[in-house]
Amino acid sequence: MTERTVKTDLERRAEIGRQRRARTRARIVASAFEILGEEGGLYVRVDDVAARSGITRATFYDHFTGMPELRDAVTYEVTHAFLISVSHTVGALDDPRERAAAAVRFYLERVRRDRRWGWSMVNLSSNGIIFGAETFRRAEATIQEGIDAGLLPLEDSRLGRDILMGASFAAMASMLREDPGPDYPLDVTRRILVGLGVSPAEADEIVHRPLPTLHQPESVDPET
């Protein structure tokens, strides 16, 4: 066997190993998403994920240092594509108040269509970073734009962020546990705008503006 042949064989074996490792990691993330997408998924443990994935605890720790790191990975998988779709869609709107309102409506309407996604969002937000750090940062940036434009009478963007994200999170949980009715997303969004300092009349007009078309997958599967 020549030196070149040996090198080629080693490279092929290394690539097979990388692919196998990537598949195992994807299976772990997908299994965690399945569990977090259940009502009791908040209390998921390493053993639960390992059992659902068909791997050992040792294999789990070959890929993740523990549940916090896995939660971060699942949060990114669950939120990133949808967040980018929403951000690109509402980014075409000039009014930051309308952007915030449209984003809330998109998130709440997604829960109506995909309960597994909704439960995963609720369970992954248990660390206080609602809907993931990426969404958290973008929400505050939108609030700050409204403040800078003189459209939101707030002294601190964090206050507006917490009103926006906190109410959206609570509404999402209510929609999963109860049946508040088809108008609930609009009602919640209107109240959020009023809480941010928008007049009731303006808030009502903003939330009844037609939503732009959002192109997005109907459900999220981290393994695909």
Protein backbone atom coordinates (compact mmCIF):
# COMPACT_ATOMS: atom_id res chain seq x y z
CA MET A 1 0.00 0.00 0.00
CA THR A 2 1.49 3.34 -1.05
CA GLU A 3 1.80 6.37 1.21
CA ARG A 4 -0.81 8.19 -0.86
CA THR A 5 -3.24 5.29 -0.54
CA VAL A 6 -2.74 5.21 3.22
CA LYS A 7 -3.36 8.95 3.44
CA THR A 8 -6.54 8.66 1.36
CA ASP A 9 -7.80 5.80 3.51
CA LEU A 10 -7.15 7.75 6.71
CA GLU A 11 -8.95 10.80 5.34
CA ARG A 12 -11.94 8.65 4.34
CA ARG A 13 -12.09 7.08 7.79
CA ALA A 14 -11.88 10.51 9.42
CA GLU A 15 -14.74 11.80 7.25
CA ILE A 16 -16.88 8.77 8.09
CA GLY A 17 -16.18 9.45 11.77
CA ARG A 18 -17.21 13.10 11.44
CA GLN A 19 -20.42 12.15 9.67
CA ARG A 20 -21.26 9.55 12.30
CA ARG A 21 -20.60 12.06 15.08
CA ALA A 22 -22.75 14.68 13.37
CA ARG A 23 -25.63 12.21 13.00
CA THR A 24 -25.41 11.25 16.67
CA ARG A 25 -25.38 14.89 17.73
CA ALA A 26 -28.39 15.63 15.51
CA ARG A 27 -30.25 12.67 17.03
CA ILE A 28 -29.56 13.97 20.55
CA VAL A 29 -30.82 17.45 19.65
CA ALA A 30 -33.90 16.02 17.94
CA SER A 31 -34.69 13.81 20.94
CA ALA A 32 -34.35 16.74 23.33
CA PHE A 33 -36.65 18.78 21.10
CA GLU A 34 -39.25 16.00 21.17
CA ILE A 35 -39.22 15.91 24.97
CA LEU A 36 -39.16 19.69 25.38
CA GLY A 37 -42.11 19.82 23.00
CA GLU A 38 -44.22 17.96 25.56
CA GLU A 39 -46.12 19.67 28.37
CA GLY A 40 -43.87 18.17 31.06
CA GLY A 41 -40.69 18.70 29.05
CA LEU A 42 -39.43 21.40 31.39
CA TYR A 43 -37.93 18.75 33.66
CA VAL A 44 -36.02 16.80 31.00
CA ARG A 45 -32.81 15.15 32.25
CA VAL A 46 -29.71 13.74 30.60
CA ASP A 47 -31.00 10.21 31.20
CA ASP A 48 -34.28 11.05 29.44
CA VAL A 49 -32.49 12.39 26.38
CA ALA A 50 -30.04 9.48 26.28
CA ALA A 51 -32.88 6.95 26.48
CA ARG A 52 -34.91 8.70 23.76
CA SER A 53 -31.79 8.91 21.55
CA GLY A 54 -30.82 5.27 22.11
CA ILE A 55 -27.35 6.19 23.41
CA THR A 56 -25.44 5.88 26.66
CA ARG A 57 -24.74 8.70 29.12
CA ALA A 58 -21.08 8.49 28.11
CA THR A 59 -21.99 9.11 24.48
CA PHE A 60 -24.17 12.05 25.50
CA TYR A 61 -21.21 13.62 27.31
CA ASP A 62 -19.02 13.05 24.27
CA HIS A 63 -21.20 15.66 22.55
CA PHE A 64 -22.46 17.97 25.30
CA THR A 65 -21.14 19.07 28.69
CA GLY A 66 -24.64 18.82 30.15
CA MET A 67 -28.24 19.95 29.80
CA PRO A 68 -27.47 23.71 29.73
CA GLU A 69 -25.32 23.30 26.62
CA LEU A 70 -27.89 21.01 25.02
CA ARG A 71 -30.67 23.48 25.79
CA ASP A 72 -28.66 26.21 24.06
CA ALA A 73 -28.26 23.99 20.99
CA VAL A 74 -31.96 23.13 20.87
CA THR A 75 -32.95 26.77 21.43
CA TYR A 76 -30.90 27.79 18.41
CA GLU A 77 -32.41 25.02 16.28
CA VAL A 78 -35.96 25.86 17.38
CA THR A 79 -35.78 29.65 17.17
CA HIS A 80 -33.19 30.70 14.60
CA ALA A 81 -34.90 29.91 11.29
CA PHE A 82 -38.26 31.25 12.46
CA LEU A 83 -36.68 34.36 13.98
CA ILE A 84 -34.85 35.10 10.73
CA SER A 85 -38.09 34.67 8.76
CA VAL A 86 -39.94 37.01 11.11
CA SER A 87 -37.10 39.54 11.21
CA HIS A 88 -36.80 39.69 7.44
CA THR A 89 -40.56 40.01 7.04
CA VAL A 90 -41.17 42.72 9.64
CA GLY A 91 -37.94 44.49 8.71
CA ALA A 92 -39.74 45.94 5.70
CA LEU A 93 -42.13 47.80 8.04
CA ASP A 94 -41.09 51.38 8.82
CA ASP A 95 -42.86 51.74 12.19
CA PRO A 96 -41.04 49.89 15.04
CA ARG A 97 -44.35 49.63 16.89
CA GLU A 98 -45.84 47.78 13.93
CA ARG A 99 -42.73 45.58 13.70
CA ALA A 100 -43.08 44.60 17.35
CA ALA A 101 -46.82 43.97 16.97
CA ALA A 102 -46.38 41.87 13.84
CA ALA A 103 -43.63 39.79 15.46
CA VAL A 104 -45.83 39.02 18.48
CA ARG A 105 -48.71 38.01 16.22
CA PHE A 106 -46.46 35.76 14.13
CA TYR A 107 -45.18 33.98 17.26
CA LEU A 108 -48.63 33.49 18.76
CA GLU A 109 -50.14 32.32 15.49
CA ARG A 110 -47.29 29.80 15.16
CA VAL A 111 -48.29 28.34 18.53
CA ARG A 112 -51.83 27.91 17.26
CA ARG A 113 -50.54 25.80 14.34
CA ASP A 114 -47.71 23.90 16.04
CA ARG A 115 -48.23 23.01 19.69
CA ARG A 116 -45.01 21.00 19.91
CA TRP A 117 -43.05 24.06 18.82
CA GLY A 118 -44.99 26.16 21.31
CA TRP A 119 -44.26 23.86 24.24
CA SER A 120 -40.58 23.73 23.32
CA MET A 121 -40.47 27.54 23.31
CA VAL A 122 -42.13 27.71 26.72
CA ASN A 123 -39.94 25.01 28.25
CA LEU A 124 -36.73 26.42 26.79
CA SER A 125 -37.53 29.85 28.24
CA SER A 126 -37.42 28.58 31.82
CA ASN A 127 -33.95 30.14 32.33
CA GLY A 128 -35.45 33.62 32.04
CA ILE A 129 -34.09 34.29 28.54
CA ILE A 130 -37.47 34.15 26.86
CA PHE A 131 -37.43 32.53 23.40
CA GLY A 132 -33.62 32.45 23.41
CA ALA A 133 -30.90 35.09 23.59
CA GLU A 134 -31.10 35.91 19.88
CA THR A 135 -34.81 36.74 20.02
CA PHE A 136 -34.32 38.55 23.33
CA ARG A 137 -31.69 40.88 21.81
CA ARG A 138 -33.73 41.63 18.70
CA ALA A 139 -36.81 42.46 20.76
CA GLU A 140 -34.88 45.00 22.82
CA ALA A 141 -33.34 46.50 19.67
CA THR A 142 -36.82 47.07 18.22
CA ILE A 143 -37.96 48.74 21.45
CA GLN A 144 -34.88 50.98 21.41
CA GLU A 145 -35.67 52.03 17.83
CA GLY A 146 -39.15 53.02 18.97
CA ILE A 147 -37.71 55.04 21.84
CA ASP A 148 -35.18 56.77 19.59
CA ALA A 149 -37.91 57.63 17.09
CA GLY A 150 -40.04 59.18 19.85
CA LEU A 151 -42.78 56.62 19.33
CA LEU A 152 -42.44 54.78 22.65
CA PRO A 153 -42.36 56.96 25.82
CA LEU A 154 -40.02 54.67 27.77
CA GLU A 155 -36.81 55.59 29.58
CA ASP A 156 -35.26 52.13 29.40
CA SER A 157 -35.43 49.66 26.51
CA ARG A 158 -35.18 46.80 28.99
CA LEU A 159 -38.54 47.74 30.46
CA GLY A 160 -40.15 47.63 27.04
CA ARG A 161 -38.39 44.38 26.21
CA ASP A 162 -39.71 42.73 29.36
CA ILE A 163 -43.25 43.95 28.74
CA LEU A 164 -43.10 42.64 25.18
CA MET A 165 -41.43 39.31 25.90
CA GLY A 166 -43.10 38.63 29.24
CA ALA A 167 -46.63 39.16 27.97
CA SER A 168 -45.91 37.14 24.82
CA PHE A 169 -44.53 34.27 26.88
CA ALA A 170 -47.54 34.24 29.23
CA ALA A 171 -49.93 34.40 26.28
CA MET A 172 -48.17 31.51 24.59
CA ALA A 173 -48.49 29.38 27.73
CA SER A 174 -52.18 30.29 28.05
CA MET A 175 -52.84 29.30 24.45
CA LEU A 176 -51.23 25.92 25.07
CA ARG A 177 -53.13 25.21 28.29
CA GLU A 178 -56.46 26.84 27.53
CA ASP A 179 -58.55 28.04 24.59
CA PRO A 180 -58.69 31.84 24.85
CA GLY A 181 -60.34 32.14 21.43
CA PRO A 182 -59.26 33.17 17.94
CA ASP A 183 -58.96 36.88 18.76
CA TYR A 184 -56.57 36.33 21.66
CA PRO A 185 -53.32 37.07 19.72
CA LEU A 186 -54.76 40.41 18.57
CA ASP A 187 -56.04 41.27 22.06
CA VAL A 188 -52.69 40.46 23.67
CA THR A 189 -50.75 42.41 21.05
CA ARG A 190 -52.98 45.45 21.52
CA ARG A 191 -52.47 45.36 25.30
CA ILE A 192 -48.71 45.03 24.85
CA LEU A 193 -48.64 48.17 22.71
CA VAL A 194 -50.70 50.08 25.27
CA GLY A 195 -48.31 48.88 27.98
CA LEU A 196 -45.44 50.25 25.89
CA GLY A 197 -47.08 53.68 25.88
CA VAL A 198 -49.02 53.60 22.61
CA SER A 199 -52.46 55.18 22.83
CA PRO A 200 -55.38 52.71 22.80
CA ALA A 201 -56.68 54.13 19.53
CA GLU A 202 -53.28 53.86 17.80
CA ALA A 203 -52.69 50.40 19.25
CA ASP A 204 -56.02 49.20 17.88
CA GLU A 205 -55.22 50.60 14.43
CA ILE A 206 -51.72 49.06 14.40
CA VAL A 207 -52.79 45.54 15.36
CA HIS A 208 -55.47 45.50 12.67
CA ARG A 209 -53.03 46.28 9.89
CA PRO A 210 -52.71 43.25 7.58
CA LEU A 211 -49.78 41.00 8.38
CA PRO A 212 -47.22 40.70 5.60
CA THR A 213 -46.73 37.24 4.11
CA LEU A 214 -44.34 35.11 6.15
CA HIS A 215 -42.61 32.21 4.44
CA GLN A 216 -41.68 29.61 7.02
CA PRO A 217 -41.76 25.85 7.66
CA GLU A 218 -44.95 24.59 9.25
CA SER A 219 -42.99 22.74 11.91
CA VAL A 220 -39.44 22.48 13.17
CA ASP A 221 -37.48 19.27 13.25
CA PRO A 222 -33.86 19.77 14.33
CA GLU A 223 -32.84 16.50 12.67
CA THR A 224 -33.72 17.70 9.16
